[in-house]
């Protein structure tokens, strides 16, 4: 993690780990992205002047349809990753990478609340509940270090695999 002003070439971003009441976490499969590393947590950019928690709640609702969530915690400072060389400019928008603050929320609703097409073009085409310690192996390799940091930060909230 690093202070905000050290990363002027990284896009400000938030990520959400959505915990089920039993401690499992929500994974979305990126629409149109071949496997095996196509599962991730909701995340997205922060609008100019937007509060970080408000951005996290907005992204959660836009990408999953979920609204019924209670804040459990957040990471301190920014968790950073760089985009890989050769990433198309329309995806990286000329940023070097992303700097993220991650939020943990407990989902208090019913699974029927999830609507992957709730907003604009869907980010995800499928979803499932899983275990937090699975996350680094499911994500694209260039984000793996960030997901390892997130998994460590929220491990105390997570269910353990049997």
N, C-alpha and C. Protein backbone atom coordinates (compact mmCIF):
# COMPACT_ATOMS: atom_id res chain seq x y z
N UNK A 1 0.84 -1.18 0.00
CA UNK A 1 0.00 0.00 0.00
C UNK A 1 0.88 1.23 0.00
N UNK A 2 0.37 2.25 -0.58
CA UNK A 2 1.17 3.44 -0.76
C UNK A 2 0.27 4.69 -0.70
N UNK A 3 0.84 5.83 -0.34
CA UNK A 3 0.02 7.06 -0.31
C UNK A 3 -0.48 7.43 -1.70
N UNK A 4 -1.62 8.09 -1.76
CA UNK A 4 -2.28 8.48 -3.00
C UNK A 4 -1.38 9.30 -3.91
N UNK A 5 -0.68 10.29 -3.39
CA UNK A 5 0.08 11.21 -4.22
C UNK A 5 1.32 10.58 -4.85
N UNK A 6 1.68 9.37 -4.45
CA UNK A 6 2.82 8.68 -5.05
C UNK A 6 2.47 8.00 -6.37
N UNK A 7 1.22 8.00 -6.75
CA UNK A 7 0.78 7.22 -7.91
C UNK A 7 -0.07 8.04 -8.89
N UNK A 8 0.47 9.11 -9.43
CA UNK A 8 -0.35 9.95 -10.30
C UNK A 8 -0.72 9.29 -11.63
N UNK A 9 -0.04 8.20 -12.01
CA UNK A 9 -0.30 7.54 -13.29
C UNK A 9 -1.13 6.27 -13.14
N UNK A 10 -1.67 6.07 -11.94
CA UNK A 10 -2.54 4.92 -11.66
C UNK A 10 -3.96 5.42 -11.43
N UNK A 11 -4.91 4.78 -12.08
CA UNK A 11 -6.31 5.17 -12.00
C UNK A 11 -6.88 4.86 -10.63
N UNK A 12 -7.51 5.84 -9.97
CA UNK A 12 -8.16 5.58 -8.68
C UNK A 12 -9.34 4.62 -8.88
N UNK A 13 -9.43 3.62 -8.02
CA UNK A 13 -10.36 2.52 -8.21
C UNK A 13 -10.76 1.99 -6.85
N UNK A 14 -11.92 1.37 -6.78
CA UNK A 14 -12.36 0.67 -5.58
C UNK A 14 -12.68 -0.78 -5.94
N UNK A 15 -12.54 -1.66 -4.96
CA UNK A 15 -12.91 -3.06 -5.13
C UNK A 15 -13.80 -3.47 -3.97
N UNK A 16 -14.63 -4.49 -4.22
CA UNK A 16 -15.57 -4.95 -3.21
C UNK A 16 -15.45 -6.46 -3.04
N UNK A 17 -15.24 -6.87 -1.80
CA UNK A 17 -15.38 -8.28 -1.45
C UNK A 17 -16.72 -8.37 -0.72
N UNK A 18 -17.65 -9.08 -1.34
CA UNK A 18 -18.99 -9.23 -0.79
C UNK A 18 -19.08 -10.57 -0.09
N UNK A 19 -19.25 -10.53 1.22
CA UNK A 19 -19.30 -11.74 2.04
C UNK A 19 -20.73 -12.21 2.24
N UNK A 20 -20.94 -13.48 2.03
CA UNK A 20 -22.20 -14.14 2.39
C UNK A 20 -22.23 -14.20 3.92
N UNK A 21 -23.40 -14.40 4.48
CA UNK A 21 -23.50 -14.51 5.95
C UNK A 21 -22.67 -15.67 6.50
N UNK A 22 -22.42 -16.69 5.67
CA UNK A 22 -21.62 -17.84 6.13
C UNK A 22 -20.11 -17.66 5.92
N UNK A 23 -19.69 -16.49 5.43
CA UNK A 23 -18.27 -16.20 5.27
C UNK A 23 -17.69 -16.49 3.90
N UNK A 24 -18.48 -17.10 3.01
CA UNK A 24 -18.01 -17.25 1.63
C UNK A 24 -18.08 -15.89 0.94
N UNK A 25 -17.48 -15.79 -0.23
CA UNK A 25 -17.42 -14.52 -0.96
C UNK A 25 -18.00 -14.68 -2.36
N UNK A 26 -18.43 -13.55 -2.91
CA UNK A 26 -19.05 -13.50 -4.23
C UNK A 26 -17.99 -13.34 -5.30
N UNK A 27 -18.03 -14.20 -6.31
CA UNK A 27 -17.16 -14.10 -7.50
C UNK A 27 -18.04 -13.91 -8.73
N UNK A 28 -17.62 -13.01 -9.62
CA UNK A 28 -18.27 -12.84 -10.90
C UNK A 28 -17.33 -13.28 -12.01
N UNK A 29 -17.91 -13.95 -13.03
CA UNK A 29 -17.12 -14.37 -14.20
C UNK A 29 -17.21 -13.26 -15.24
N UNK A 30 -16.05 -12.72 -15.63
CA UNK A 30 -16.01 -11.60 -16.58
C UNK A 30 -16.63 -11.99 -17.91
N UNK A 31 -17.59 -11.21 -18.34
CA UNK A 31 -18.29 -11.48 -19.59
C UNK A 31 -17.31 -11.42 -20.76
N UNK A 32 -17.40 -12.41 -21.64
CA UNK A 32 -16.59 -12.43 -22.85
C UNK A 32 -15.11 -12.69 -22.63
N UNK A 33 -14.73 -13.15 -21.45
CA UNK A 33 -13.32 -13.39 -21.15
C UNK A 33 -13.10 -14.89 -20.99
N UNK A 34 -12.25 -15.47 -21.83
CA UNK A 34 -12.01 -16.91 -21.72
C UNK A 34 -11.29 -17.27 -20.42
N UNK A 35 -11.52 -18.48 -19.92
CA UNK A 35 -10.87 -18.95 -18.70
C UNK A 35 -9.43 -19.30 -18.94
N UNK A 36 -8.73 -19.70 -17.93
CA UNK A 36 -9.27 -20.03 -16.62
C UNK A 36 -9.28 -18.86 -15.63
N UNK A 37 -8.62 -17.76 -15.94
CA UNK A 37 -8.47 -16.65 -14.97
C UNK A 37 -9.47 -15.54 -15.28
N UNK A 38 -10.76 -15.87 -15.20
CA UNK A 38 -11.78 -14.90 -15.58
C UNK A 38 -12.80 -14.64 -14.48
N UNK A 39 -12.47 -14.99 -13.24
CA UNK A 39 -13.35 -14.70 -12.10
C UNK A 39 -12.73 -13.59 -11.28
N UNK A 40 -13.56 -12.68 -10.80
CA UNK A 40 -13.04 -11.59 -9.98
C UNK A 40 -14.13 -11.01 -9.10
N UNK A 41 -13.72 -10.06 -8.26
CA UNK A 41 -14.63 -9.31 -7.42
C UNK A 41 -15.09 -8.06 -8.18
N UNK A 42 -16.22 -7.49 -7.79
CA UNK A 42 -16.63 -6.21 -8.38
C UNK A 42 -15.58 -5.13 -8.10
N UNK A 43 -15.34 -4.30 -9.08
CA UNK A 43 -14.41 -3.18 -8.92
C UNK A 43 -14.70 -2.14 -9.97
N UNK A 44 -14.22 -0.93 -9.75
CA UNK A 44 -14.42 0.09 -10.76
C UNK A 44 -13.84 1.42 -10.36
N UNK A 45 -13.87 2.34 -11.29
CA UNK A 45 -13.27 3.65 -11.10
C UNK A 45 -14.04 4.54 -10.14
N UNK A 46 -13.31 5.51 -9.63
CA UNK A 46 -13.87 6.50 -8.71
C UNK A 46 -14.07 7.79 -9.49
N UNK A 47 -15.27 8.32 -9.46
CA UNK A 47 -15.55 9.58 -10.14
C UNK A 47 -14.88 10.74 -9.39
N UNK A 48 -14.57 11.80 -10.11
CA UNK A 48 -13.94 12.99 -9.52
C UNK A 48 -14.76 13.47 -8.32
N UNK A 49 -14.13 13.56 -7.15
CA UNK A 49 -14.78 14.04 -5.94
C UNK A 49 -15.67 13.04 -5.24
N UNK A 50 -15.77 11.82 -5.75
CA UNK A 50 -16.66 10.81 -5.17
C UNK A 50 -16.04 10.19 -3.92
N UNK A 51 -16.83 10.03 -2.90
CA UNK A 51 -16.42 9.34 -1.68
C UNK A 51 -16.12 7.88 -2.03
N UNK A 52 -15.06 7.31 -1.46
CA UNK A 52 -14.65 5.96 -1.81
C UNK A 52 -15.70 4.90 -1.45
N UNK A 53 -16.29 5.00 -0.27
CA UNK A 53 -17.32 4.03 0.08
C UNK A 53 -18.53 4.16 -0.85
N UNK A 54 -18.91 5.38 -1.19
CA UNK A 54 -20.02 5.58 -2.12
C UNK A 54 -19.70 4.97 -3.48
N UNK A 55 -18.45 5.11 -3.92
CA UNK A 55 -18.03 4.51 -5.19
C UNK A 55 -18.11 2.99 -5.12
N UNK A 56 -17.70 2.43 -3.99
CA UNK A 56 -17.76 0.97 -3.83
C UNK A 56 -19.20 0.48 -3.86
N UNK A 57 -20.08 1.16 -3.18
CA UNK A 57 -21.51 0.77 -3.19
C UNK A 57 -22.10 0.92 -4.59
N UNK A 58 -21.74 1.98 -5.29
CA UNK A 58 -22.22 2.19 -6.66
C UNK A 58 -21.75 1.07 -7.57
N UNK A 59 -20.47 0.75 -7.51
CA UNK A 59 -19.93 -0.32 -8.36
C UNK A 59 -20.58 -1.66 -8.03
N UNK A 60 -20.77 -1.93 -6.75
CA UNK A 60 -21.42 -3.18 -6.35
C UNK A 60 -22.81 -3.28 -6.97
N UNK A 61 -23.57 -2.22 -6.87
CA UNK A 61 -24.93 -2.22 -7.41
C UNK A 61 -24.93 -2.30 -8.94
N UNK A 62 -24.05 -1.53 -9.58
CA UNK A 62 -24.01 -1.54 -11.04
C UNK A 62 -23.61 -2.90 -11.60
N UNK A 63 -22.64 -3.55 -10.97
CA UNK A 63 -22.10 -4.79 -11.53
C UNK A 63 -22.84 -6.05 -11.09
N UNK A 64 -23.54 -5.99 -9.93
CA UNK A 64 -24.18 -7.21 -9.42
C UNK A 64 -25.68 -7.05 -9.20
N UNK A 65 -26.16 -5.83 -9.09
CA UNK A 65 -27.54 -5.59 -8.73
C UNK A 65 -27.76 -5.54 -7.23
N UNK A 66 -26.78 -5.96 -6.44
CA UNK A 66 -26.91 -6.03 -4.98
C UNK A 66 -26.93 -4.64 -4.35
N UNK A 67 -27.86 -4.46 -3.44
CA UNK A 67 -27.97 -3.20 -2.69
C UNK A 67 -27.94 -3.43 -1.18
N UNK A 68 -28.31 -4.63 -0.76
CA UNK A 68 -28.49 -4.91 0.66
C UNK A 68 -27.17 -5.41 1.24
N UNK A 69 -26.32 -4.47 1.66
CA UNK A 69 -24.99 -4.83 2.15
C UNK A 69 -24.58 -3.92 3.29
N UNK A 70 -23.93 -4.51 4.28
CA UNK A 70 -23.45 -3.79 5.46
C UNK A 70 -21.92 -3.72 5.40
N UNK A 71 -21.38 -2.54 5.65
CA UNK A 71 -19.93 -2.36 5.65
C UNK A 71 -19.30 -3.12 6.80
N UNK A 72 -18.27 -3.92 6.48
CA UNK A 72 -17.50 -4.65 7.48
C UNK A 72 -16.12 -4.04 7.70
N UNK A 73 -15.56 -3.43 6.67
CA UNK A 73 -14.23 -2.86 6.80
C UNK A 73 -13.69 -2.44 5.45
N UNK A 74 -12.47 -1.90 5.47
CA UNK A 74 -11.80 -1.46 4.25
C UNK A 74 -10.30 -1.56 4.44
N UNK A 75 -9.58 -1.56 3.36
CA UNK A 75 -8.13 -1.57 3.43
C UNK A 75 -7.64 -0.15 3.70
N UNK A 76 -6.45 -0.03 4.25
CA UNK A 76 -5.82 1.26 4.47
C UNK A 76 -4.94 1.57 3.27
N UNK A 77 -4.97 2.78 2.81
CA UNK A 77 -4.11 3.16 1.69
C UNK A 77 -4.52 2.47 0.40
N UNK A 78 -3.64 2.55 -0.59
CA UNK A 78 -3.92 2.00 -1.92
C UNK A 78 -3.21 0.66 -2.10
N UNK A 79 -3.89 -0.27 -2.73
CA UNK A 79 -3.30 -1.51 -3.21
C UNK A 79 -3.15 -1.31 -4.72
N UNK A 80 -1.96 -1.60 -5.24
CA UNK A 80 -1.61 -1.18 -6.59
C UNK A 80 -1.28 -2.38 -7.48
N UNK A 81 -1.68 -2.28 -8.74
CA UNK A 81 -1.16 -3.19 -9.76
C UNK A 81 -0.95 -2.42 -11.05
N UNK A 82 -0.01 -2.90 -11.85
CA UNK A 82 0.27 -2.31 -13.16
C UNK A 82 -0.39 -3.15 -14.24
N UNK A 83 -0.79 -2.49 -15.32
CA UNK A 83 -1.31 -3.21 -16.47
C UNK A 83 -0.15 -3.90 -17.18
N UNK A 84 -0.41 -5.03 -17.80
CA UNK A 84 0.67 -5.72 -18.52
C UNK A 84 1.04 -4.98 -19.81
N UNK A 85 2.28 -5.13 -20.24
CA UNK A 85 2.68 -4.52 -21.51
C UNK A 85 1.77 -5.03 -22.63
N UNK A 86 1.42 -4.14 -23.54
CA UNK A 86 0.62 -4.53 -24.69
C UNK A 86 -0.88 -4.52 -24.44
N UNK A 87 -1.32 -4.12 -23.25
CA UNK A 87 -2.76 -4.04 -23.02
C UNK A 87 -3.33 -2.98 -23.96
N UNK A 88 -4.42 -3.30 -24.65
CA UNK A 88 -4.99 -2.33 -25.60
C UNK A 88 -5.31 -1.00 -24.93
N UNK A 89 -5.01 0.11 -25.61
CA UNK A 89 -5.26 1.44 -25.03
C UNK A 89 -6.70 1.67 -24.61
N UNK A 90 -7.68 1.06 -25.28
CA UNK A 90 -9.07 1.27 -24.90
C UNK A 90 -9.37 0.64 -23.54
N UNK A 91 -8.56 -0.33 -23.12
CA UNK A 91 -8.75 -0.94 -21.81
C UNK A 91 -7.96 -0.20 -20.74
N UNK A 92 -6.73 0.18 -21.03
CA UNK A 92 -5.90 0.85 -20.02
C UNK A 92 -6.13 2.35 -19.98
N UNK A 93 -6.70 2.91 -21.04
CA UNK A 93 -6.95 4.35 -21.15
C UNK A 93 -5.70 5.17 -20.80
N UNK A 94 -4.56 4.61 -21.16
CA UNK A 94 -3.26 5.25 -20.98
C UNK A 94 -2.82 5.41 -19.53
N UNK A 95 -3.48 4.73 -18.60
CA UNK A 95 -3.01 4.68 -17.22
C UNK A 95 -1.92 3.60 -17.13
N UNK A 96 -1.00 3.75 -16.19
CA UNK A 96 0.03 2.74 -15.96
C UNK A 96 -0.57 1.50 -15.27
N UNK A 97 -1.57 1.74 -14.46
CA UNK A 97 -2.23 0.65 -13.72
C UNK A 97 -3.36 1.23 -12.89
N UNK A 98 -3.71 0.52 -11.82
CA UNK A 98 -4.77 0.98 -10.95
C UNK A 98 -4.30 0.98 -9.50
N UNK A 99 -4.80 1.94 -8.75
CA UNK A 99 -4.62 1.99 -7.30
C UNK A 99 -6.00 1.82 -6.70
N UNK A 100 -6.12 0.89 -5.76
CA UNK A 100 -7.43 0.51 -5.26
C UNK A 100 -7.51 0.57 -3.74
N UNK A 101 -8.66 1.00 -3.26
CA UNK A 101 -9.05 0.79 -1.87
C UNK A 101 -10.14 -0.27 -1.94
N UNK A 102 -10.02 -1.29 -1.09
CA UNK A 102 -10.95 -2.41 -1.09
C UNK A 102 -11.87 -2.33 0.12
N UNK A 103 -13.14 -2.68 -0.12
CA UNK A 103 -14.16 -2.67 0.91
C UNK A 103 -14.70 -4.08 1.09
N UNK A 104 -14.96 -4.43 2.35
CA UNK A 104 -15.64 -5.69 2.67
C UNK A 104 -17.05 -5.34 3.11
N UNK A 105 -18.03 -5.98 2.47
CA UNK A 105 -19.43 -5.82 2.82
C UNK A 105 -20.02 -7.19 3.10
N UNK A 106 -20.97 -7.24 4.02
CA UNK A 106 -21.74 -8.47 4.23
C UNK A 106 -23.05 -8.33 3.49
N UNK A 107 -23.36 -9.31 2.63
CA UNK A 107 -24.60 -9.31 1.88
C UNK A 107 -25.72 -9.75 2.81
N UNK A 108 -26.74 -8.91 2.94
CA UNK A 108 -27.85 -9.16 3.86
C UNK A 108 -29.13 -9.55 3.12
N UNK A 109 -29.08 -9.59 1.80
CA UNK A 109 -30.27 -9.87 1.01
C UNK A 109 -30.41 -11.34 0.65
N UNK A 110 -31.27 -11.58 -0.32
CA UNK A 110 -31.51 -12.91 -0.87
C UNK A 110 -30.80 -12.99 -2.22
N UNK A 111 -30.34 -14.18 -2.61
CA UNK A 111 -29.62 -14.33 -3.87
C UNK A 111 -30.39 -13.83 -5.08
N UNK A 112 -31.71 -13.79 -5.00
CA UNK A 112 -32.53 -13.29 -6.10
C UNK A 112 -32.26 -11.81 -6.39
N UNK A 113 -31.62 -11.11 -5.44
CA UNK A 113 -31.28 -9.70 -5.63
C UNK A 113 -30.23 -9.50 -6.72
N UNK A 114 -29.43 -10.52 -6.97
CA UNK A 114 -28.36 -10.38 -7.97
C UNK A 114 -28.96 -10.31 -9.37
N UNK A 115 -28.58 -9.26 -10.08
CA UNK A 115 -29.04 -9.03 -11.45
C UNK A 115 -27.84 -8.48 -12.21
N UNK A 116 -27.16 -9.35 -12.96
CA UNK A 116 -25.92 -8.97 -13.63
C UNK A 116 -26.13 -7.96 -14.75
N UNK A 117 -27.37 -7.80 -15.19
CA UNK A 117 -27.68 -6.82 -16.23
C UNK A 117 -28.41 -5.62 -15.65
N UNK A 118 -28.23 -5.36 -14.36
CA UNK A 118 -28.97 -4.29 -13.68
C UNK A 118 -28.65 -2.90 -14.21
N UNK A 119 -27.49 -2.71 -14.75
CA UNK A 119 -27.09 -1.37 -15.14
C UNK A 119 -26.82 -1.33 -16.65
N UNK A 120 -25.61 -1.06 -17.04
CA UNK A 120 -25.22 -0.96 -18.44
C UNK A 120 -24.77 -2.32 -18.94
N UNK A 121 -23.93 -2.33 -19.92
CA UNK A 121 -23.36 -3.58 -20.44
C UNK A 121 -22.83 -4.42 -19.28
N UNK A 122 -23.30 -5.65 -19.14
CA UNK A 122 -22.88 -6.47 -17.99
C UNK A 122 -21.37 -6.71 -17.94
N UNK A 123 -20.82 -6.56 -16.75
CA UNK A 123 -19.41 -6.88 -16.51
C UNK A 123 -19.23 -8.38 -16.38
N UNK A 124 -20.26 -9.05 -15.82
CA UNK A 124 -20.18 -10.48 -15.52
C UNK A 124 -21.30 -11.22 -16.24
N UNK A 125 -21.00 -12.49 -16.60
CA UNK A 125 -22.04 -13.31 -17.23
C UNK A 125 -22.47 -14.48 -16.34
N UNK A 126 -21.82 -14.62 -15.19
CA UNK A 126 -22.18 -15.66 -14.21
C UNK A 126 -21.61 -15.25 -12.87
N UNK A 127 -22.12 -15.84 -11.81
CA UNK A 127 -21.59 -15.57 -10.47
C UNK A 127 -21.71 -16.82 -9.63
N UNK A 128 -20.95 -16.84 -8.52
CA UNK A 128 -21.01 -17.96 -7.58
C UNK A 128 -20.45 -17.52 -6.24
N UNK A 129 -20.79 -18.26 -5.20
CA UNK A 129 -20.17 -18.08 -3.89
C UNK A 129 -18.96 -19.00 -3.82
N UNK A 130 -17.88 -18.52 -3.22
CA UNK A 130 -16.66 -19.32 -3.07
C UNK A 130 -15.92 -18.90 -1.82
N UNK A 131 -14.66 -19.23 -1.78
CA UNK A 131 -13.83 -18.95 -0.61
C UNK A 131 -12.79 -17.89 -0.94
N UNK A 132 -12.57 -17.01 0.01
CA UNK A 132 -11.64 -15.90 -0.20
C UNK A 132 -10.26 -16.38 -0.61
N UNK A 133 -9.79 -17.47 -0.02
CA UNK A 133 -8.43 -17.92 -0.35
C UNK A 133 -8.31 -18.47 -1.77
N UNK A 134 -9.43 -18.66 -2.48
CA UNK A 134 -9.42 -19.05 -3.89
C UNK A 134 -9.08 -17.88 -4.81
N UNK A 135 -9.37 -16.68 -4.36
CA UNK A 135 -9.35 -15.50 -5.22
C UNK A 135 -8.05 -15.31 -6.00
N UNK A 136 -6.86 -15.39 -5.39
CA UNK A 136 -5.65 -15.14 -6.18
C UNK A 136 -5.46 -16.11 -7.36
N UNK A 137 -5.93 -17.33 -7.23
CA UNK A 137 -5.78 -18.30 -8.32
C UNK A 137 -6.80 -18.10 -9.43
N UNK A 138 -7.89 -17.39 -9.16
CA UNK A 138 -8.95 -17.20 -10.15
C UNK A 138 -8.77 -15.96 -11.02
N UNK A 139 -7.98 -15.00 -10.53
CA UNK A 139 -7.85 -13.70 -11.19
C UNK A 139 -6.74 -13.75 -12.24
N UNK A 140 -6.81 -12.84 -13.20
CA UNK A 140 -5.75 -12.74 -14.20
C UNK A 140 -4.42 -12.50 -13.49
N UNK A 141 -3.33 -13.09 -14.00
CA UNK A 141 -2.05 -13.03 -13.28
C UNK A 141 -1.56 -11.63 -12.93
N UNK A 142 -1.82 -10.61 -13.77
CA UNK A 142 -1.28 -9.28 -13.43
C UNK A 142 -1.97 -8.64 -12.23
N UNK A 143 -3.12 -9.17 -11.80
CA UNK A 143 -3.80 -8.66 -10.60
C UNK A 143 -3.56 -9.56 -9.38
N UNK A 144 -2.82 -10.63 -9.54
CA UNK A 144 -2.68 -11.64 -8.48
C UNK A 144 -2.11 -11.07 -7.19
N UNK A 145 -1.07 -10.26 -7.27
CA UNK A 145 -0.48 -9.68 -6.06
C UNK A 145 -1.47 -8.83 -5.28
N UNK A 146 -2.27 -8.05 -5.99
CA UNK A 146 -3.30 -7.23 -5.34
C UNK A 146 -4.32 -8.13 -4.65
N UNK A 147 -4.74 -9.21 -5.30
CA UNK A 147 -5.71 -10.11 -4.70
C UNK A 147 -5.13 -10.85 -3.49
N UNK A 148 -3.85 -11.12 -3.51
CA UNK A 148 -3.22 -11.72 -2.33
C UNK A 148 -3.27 -10.75 -1.15
N UNK A 149 -3.02 -9.47 -1.41
CA UNK A 149 -3.11 -8.46 -0.35
C UNK A 149 -4.53 -8.35 0.19
N UNK A 150 -5.51 -8.36 -0.70
CA UNK A 150 -6.91 -8.27 -0.30
C UNK A 150 -7.30 -9.49 0.54
N UNK A 151 -6.88 -10.68 0.10
CA UNK A 151 -7.21 -11.91 0.84
C UNK A 151 -6.61 -11.87 2.25
N UNK A 152 -5.39 -11.36 2.37
CA UNK A 152 -4.77 -11.23 3.70
C UNK A 152 -5.53 -10.21 4.55
N UNK A 153 -5.90 -9.09 3.95
CA UNK A 153 -6.57 -8.01 4.69
C UNK A 153 -7.91 -8.46 5.27
N UNK A 154 -8.64 -9.30 4.55
CA UNK A 154 -9.99 -9.69 4.97
C UNK A 154 -10.09 -11.14 5.43
N UNK A 155 -8.97 -11.81 5.63
CA UNK A 155 -8.97 -13.23 6.03
C UNK A 155 -9.75 -13.47 7.31
N UNK A 156 -9.70 -12.52 8.23
CA UNK A 156 -10.40 -12.70 9.52
C UNK A 156 -11.92 -12.72 9.36
N UNK A 157 -12.45 -12.31 8.21
CA UNK A 157 -13.89 -12.30 7.97
C UNK A 157 -14.36 -13.53 7.21
N UNK A 158 -13.42 -14.29 6.68
CA UNK A 158 -13.73 -15.33 5.71
C UNK A 158 -13.97 -16.71 6.31
N UNK A 159 -14.85 -17.46 5.64
CA UNK A 159 -15.05 -18.87 5.98
C UNK A 159 -13.82 -19.66 5.53
N UNK A 160 -13.54 -20.70 6.25
CA UNK A 160 -12.44 -21.61 5.91
C UNK A 160 -13.01 -22.81 5.17
N UNK A 161 -12.25 -23.29 4.18
CA UNK A 161 -12.69 -24.48 3.46
C UNK A 161 -12.60 -25.69 4.36
N UNK A 162 -13.54 -26.61 4.18
CA UNK A 162 -13.57 -27.84 5.00
C UNK A 162 -12.44 -28.77 4.62
